[in-house]
Amino acid sequence: MIYKYLLEIRHRAFFCFIAWSFLMLNCYFFKETLLYTFLKLNPIHTDEGTVYFLITNITEVFITYLQLTCFITNQITFMFICYQFFAFISTGLFTFEYVYFKNTCLTVAVCWVLCILLLNGTVFPSCWNYFLQFQNFILAQNLTFYFEAKLSEYWAFYLTIYYVWCFAYQFIVFFWIFLSLSTTNLSIIKRLRKVLYFVFFIVATLITPPNVEHQLFTSICIIMIYELILIHLLFKIELLYSK
């Protein structure tokens, strides 16, 4: 019996490796398109409308290609590994455990996609524009400093914002797990509501540019997500009890 489990683990690990290899090959084949897509999130335009970044090392573009390829491949492969892990343990779960873990995994996947869309569409451009506004302040003072972004620094800045945002998105998963386990005892949720709101504002301060508008907007969004998840779970429990 143990041999069968070990054999299945080996097969699933091999599938994950094959998936990672094919993703690496495909991402590297379309590396120019992927890099252009990331650069268009916040391009620096010349007078002719082209996108340009400084390069100070002969291998900088190649290294950026590899980093971008590995980044996208690892993110997708991680989700594939999570699916393989869930498929492996699902046969040994009770029905209610299977439903709970399935809903949790779906929530994680959906929130991950939504957070990436929100990051690329709003958060990253806002962070970039916030720090870029200091250049306008310098130019207004008749100083001779001018901002020229390096390709490697642009990519490092994006990775920093991405991982910080992923840390914030884990709170949504935490909301789902915490609220789903605490709905049977609503007094815990009531006692911790003020503490959680305070934590939300701290998290919003850490993951957004240091201005009040972005911090308030992010805090309100987190609070709304928390309350919507709570309402969804409460309605779900009421429907179960009504049946």
Protein backbone atom coordinates (compact mmCIF):
# COMPACT_ATOMS: atom_id res chain seq x y z
CA MET A 1 0.00 0.00 0.00
CA ILE A 2 2.78 2.42 0.90
CA TYR A 3 4.53 1.55 -2.35
CA LYS A 4 1.43 2.60 -4.33
CA TYR A 5 1.32 5.96 -2.56
CA LEU A 6 5.02 6.53 -3.19
CA LEU A 7 4.55 5.55 -6.83
CA GLU A 8 1.69 8.03 -7.22
CA ILE A 9 3.77 10.78 -5.57
CA ARG A 10 6.61 10.04 -7.99
CA HIS A 11 4.28 10.19 -10.98
CA ARG A 12 2.72 13.48 -9.85
CA ALA A 13 6.16 14.95 -9.19
CA PHE A 14 7.22 13.89 -12.68
CA PHE A 15 4.11 15.54 -14.17
CA CYS A 16 4.95 18.74 -12.29
CA PHE A 17 8.49 18.67 -13.65
CA ILE A 18 7.23 18.11 -17.21
CA ALA A 19 4.76 20.98 -16.83
CA TRP A 20 7.51 23.26 -15.47
CA SER A 21 9.82 22.34 -18.38
CA PHE A 22 7.20 23.03 -21.06
CA LEU A 23 6.24 26.30 -19.39
CA MET A 24 9.89 27.37 -19.32
CA LEU A 25 10.30 26.61 -23.02
CA ASN A 26 7.09 28.41 -24.00
CA CYS A 27 7.74 31.45 -21.84
CA TYR A 28 11.29 31.79 -23.12
CA PHE A 29 10.10 31.43 -26.71
CA PHE A 30 7.71 34.37 -26.18
CA LYS A 31 10.12 36.28 -23.94
CA GLU A 32 10.06 39.47 -26.05
CA THR A 33 6.26 39.62 -25.95
CA LEU A 34 6.18 38.98 -22.20
CA LEU A 35 8.82 41.61 -21.49
CA TYR A 36 7.01 44.14 -23.67
CA THR A 37 3.77 43.40 -21.79
CA PHE A 38 5.45 44.09 -18.45
CA LEU A 39 7.10 47.25 -19.76
CA LYS A 40 3.77 48.56 -21.04
CA LEU A 41 2.38 48.50 -17.50
CA ASN A 42 4.17 51.82 -17.02
CA PRO A 43 6.23 52.79 -20.04
CA ILE A 44 8.64 55.67 -20.31
CA HIS A 45 7.96 57.27 -23.66
CA THR A 46 10.27 59.23 -25.85
CA ASP A 47 9.03 61.96 -28.17
CA GLU A 48 8.40 59.32 -30.86
CA GLY A 49 6.26 57.25 -28.49
CA THR A 50 8.68 54.33 -28.11
CA VAL A 51 9.46 52.61 -24.83
CA TYR A 52 13.03 52.79 -23.59
CA PHE A 53 15.05 51.77 -20.52
CA LEU A 54 18.71 52.16 -19.71
CA ILE A 55 20.97 49.11 -19.94
CA THR A 56 24.41 49.31 -18.31
CA ASN A 57 25.43 45.67 -18.58
CA ILE A 58 25.84 43.58 -21.71
CA THR A 59 24.03 40.62 -20.11
CA GLU A 60 21.27 42.65 -18.46
CA VAL A 61 18.61 41.97 -21.10
CA PHE A 62 19.39 38.24 -21.16
CA ILE A 63 19.27 38.01 -17.35
CA THR A 64 15.96 39.90 -17.33
CA TYR A 65 14.57 37.45 -19.89
CA LEU A 66 15.58 34.53 -17.66
CA GLN A 67 14.16 36.14 -14.53
CA LEU A 68 10.88 36.92 -16.26
CA THR A 69 10.64 33.40 -17.67
CA CYS A 70 11.38 31.76 -14.32
CA PHE A 71 9.00 34.09 -12.51
CA ILE A 72 5.98 33.33 -14.71
CA THR A 73 6.82 29.62 -14.89
CA ASN A 74 7.21 29.26 -11.12
CA GLN A 75 3.95 31.09 -10.40
CA ILE A 76 1.92 28.86 -12.72
CA THR A 77 3.73 25.69 -11.65
CA PHE A 78 3.04 26.47 -8.00
CA MET A 79 -0.70 26.50 -8.69
CA PHE A 80 -0.34 23.23 -10.63
CA ILE A 81 1.52 21.65 -7.69
CA CYS A 82 -1.23 22.78 -5.33
CA TYR A 83 -3.80 21.12 -7.59
CA GLN A 84 -1.78 17.89 -7.68
CA PHE A 85 -1.50 17.92 -3.90
CA PHE A 86 -5.24 18.44 -3.49
CA ALA A 87 -5.99 15.66 -6.00
CA PHE A 88 -3.65 13.34 -4.09
CA ILE A 89 -5.22 13.85 -0.67
CA SER A 90 -8.84 14.22 -1.87
CA THR A 91 -9.45 10.46 -2.01
CA GLY A 92 -8.82 10.17 1.73
CA LEU A 93 -11.10 13.00 2.81
CA PHE A 94 -14.65 12.91 4.07
CA THR A 95 -17.30 14.61 1.94
CA PHE A 96 -17.51 17.75 4.09
CA GLU A 97 -13.70 17.98 4.23
CA TYR A 98 -13.48 17.63 0.46
CA VAL A 99 -16.08 20.36 -0.08
CA TYR A 100 -14.37 22.68 2.41
CA PHE A 101 -10.88 22.26 0.92
CA LYS A 102 -12.27 22.53 -2.61
CA ASN A 103 -14.02 25.82 -1.82
CA THR A 104 -10.89 27.11 -0.09
CA CYS A 105 -8.69 26.24 -3.08
CA LEU A 106 -11.13 27.86 -5.50
CA THR A 107 -11.19 30.98 -3.32
CA VAL A 108 -7.39 31.11 -3.30
CA ALA A 109 -7.20 30.71 -7.10
CA VAL A 110 -9.86 33.34 -7.82
CA CYS A 111 -8.36 35.82 -5.36
CA TRP A 112 -4.91 35.25 -6.84
CA VAL A 113 -6.13 36.07 -10.35
CA LEU A 114 -8.10 39.12 -9.17
CA CYS A 115 -5.16 40.41 -7.16
CA ILE A 116 -2.84 40.12 -10.18
CA LEU A 117 -5.32 42.02 -12.34
CA LEU A 118 -5.70 44.69 -9.66
CA LEU A 119 -1.92 44.89 -9.21
CA ASN A 120 -1.18 45.34 -12.91
CA GLY A 121 -4.11 47.63 -13.57
CA THR A 122 -4.05 49.93 -10.54
CA VAL A 123 -1.56 49.26 -7.75
CA PHE A 124 1.69 49.09 -9.69
CA PRO A 125 0.93 52.13 -11.91
CA SER A 126 -0.05 54.12 -8.81
CA CYS A 127 3.18 53.21 -7.03
CA TRP A 128 5.23 54.03 -10.12
CA ASN A 129 3.53 57.39 -10.62
CA TYR A 130 3.88 58.25 -6.94
CA PHE A 131 7.65 57.86 -6.94
CA LEU A 132 7.91 59.42 -10.39
CA GLN A 133 6.28 62.63 -9.16
CA PHE A 134 9.47 63.48 -7.25
CA GLN A 135 11.12 64.00 -10.62
CA ASN A 136 8.53 66.66 -11.46
CA PHE A 137 9.25 68.32 -8.12
CA ILE A 138 12.98 68.37 -8.89
CA LEU A 139 12.37 69.83 -12.36
CA ALA A 140 10.12 72.47 -10.84
CA GLN A 141 13.04 73.58 -8.67
CA ASN A 142 15.16 74.16 -11.80
CA LEU A 143 17.53 71.35 -10.87
CA THR A 144 19.29 69.25 -13.50
CA PHE A 145 18.31 65.80 -12.21
CA TYR A 146 16.33 63.61 -14.60
CA PHE A 147 14.91 60.15 -13.99
CA GLU A 148 16.16 57.38 -16.30
CA ALA A 149 14.91 53.91 -15.35
CA LYS A 150 17.15 50.87 -15.73
CA LEU A 151 15.58 47.68 -17.01
CA SER A 152 16.81 45.60 -14.08
CA GLU A 153 15.62 48.17 -11.54
CA TYR A 154 12.20 48.34 -13.17
CA TRP A 155 11.89 44.54 -12.95
CA ALA A 156 13.14 44.50 -9.33
CA PHE A 157 10.62 47.19 -8.43
CA TYR A 158 7.79 45.17 -9.98
CA LEU A 159 8.84 42.02 -8.12
CA THR A 160 8.91 43.93 -4.83
CA ILE A 161 5.39 45.29 -5.36
CA TYR A 162 4.17 41.87 -6.51
CA TYR A 163 5.40 39.98 -3.45
CA VAL A 164 4.12 42.67 -1.09
CA TRP A 165 0.74 42.48 -2.80
CA CYS A 166 0.75 38.68 -2.62
CA PHE A 167 1.37 38.99 1.10
CA ALA A 168 -1.68 41.23 1.31
CA TYR A 169 -3.79 38.85 -0.74
CA GLN A 170 -3.10 36.10 1.79
CA PHE A 171 -5.31 38.07 4.16
CA ILE A 172 -8.30 37.29 1.94
CA VAL A 173 -7.55 33.60 2.32
CA PHE A 174 -7.15 34.15 6.04
CA PHE A 175 -10.56 35.89 6.09
CA TRP A 176 -12.19 32.91 4.40
CA ILE A 177 -10.65 30.35 6.75
CA PHE A 178 -11.13 32.41 9.91
CA LEU A 179 -14.72 33.35 9.20
CA SER A 180 -15.72 29.89 8.01
CA LEU A 181 -14.38 28.41 11.26
CA SER A 182 -15.86 31.15 13.46
CA THR A 183 -19.39 31.47 12.09
CA THR A 184 -20.61 28.96 14.65
CA ASN A 185 -19.46 31.35 17.37
CA LEU A 186 -20.31 34.90 16.29
CA SER A 187 -19.11 36.36 19.60
CA ILE A 188 -15.51 35.78 18.50
CA ILE A 189 -16.08 37.79 15.32
CA LYS A 190 -17.73 40.62 17.27
CA ARG A 191 -14.89 40.79 19.80
CA LEU A 192 -12.16 40.81 17.16
CA ARG A 193 -13.82 43.20 14.69
CA LYS A 194 -12.14 46.34 16.03
CA VAL A 195 -8.78 44.61 16.21
CA LEU A 196 -9.14 43.34 12.66
CA TYR A 197 -10.08 46.78 11.35
CA PHE A 198 -6.98 48.22 12.97
CA VAL A 199 -4.86 45.48 11.37
CA PHE A 200 -6.46 46.26 7.99
CA PHE A 201 -5.35 49.88 8.19
CA ILE A 202 -1.82 48.82 9.14
CA VAL A 203 -1.65 46.40 6.21
CA ALA A 204 -2.98 49.05 3.83
CA THR A 205 -0.29 51.43 5.04
CA LEU A 206 2.42 48.85 4.35
CA ILE A 207 1.32 47.79 0.87
CA THR A 208 0.38 51.14 -0.66
CA PRO A 209 2.31 54.31 -1.53
CA PRO A 210 2.68 56.62 1.48
CA ASN A 211 -0.25 58.91 0.79
CA VAL A 212 -3.60 59.09 2.54
CA GLU A 213 -5.78 58.55 -0.55
CA HIS A 214 -4.32 55.17 -1.47
CA GLN A 215 -4.23 54.02 2.16
CA LEU A 216 -7.88 54.88 2.77
CA PHE A 217 -8.99 53.33 -0.51
CA THR A 218 -7.09 50.11 0.15
CA SER A 219 -8.36 49.91 3.74
CA ILE A 220 -11.96 50.34 2.62
CA CYS A 221 -11.51 47.65 -0.05
CA ILE A 222 -10.10 45.19 2.51
CA ILE A 223 -12.94 45.91 4.94
CA MET A 224 -15.52 45.45 2.17
CA ILE A 225 -13.98 42.12 1.15
CA TYR A 226 -14.01 40.99 4.79
CA GLU A 227 -17.66 41.96 5.25
CA LEU A 228 -18.74 40.40 1.94
CA ILE A 229 -17.10 37.09 2.85
CA LEU A 230 -18.79 37.22 6.26
CA ILE A 231 -22.21 37.94 4.71
CA HIS A 232 -21.74 35.14 2.19
CA LEU A 233 -20.90 32.61 4.89
CA LEU A 234 -23.79 33.73 7.12
CA PHE A 235 -26.29 33.44 4.28
CA LYS A 236 -24.87 30.02 3.46
CA ILE A 237 -25.38 28.84 7.04
CA GLU A 238 -28.94 30.25 7.11
CA LEU A 239 -29.78 28.38 3.92
CA LEU A 240 -28.42 25.14 5.37
CA TYR A 241 -30.44 25.55 8.56
CA SER A 242 -33.60 26.46 6.62
CA LYS A 243 -33.38 23.18 4.69
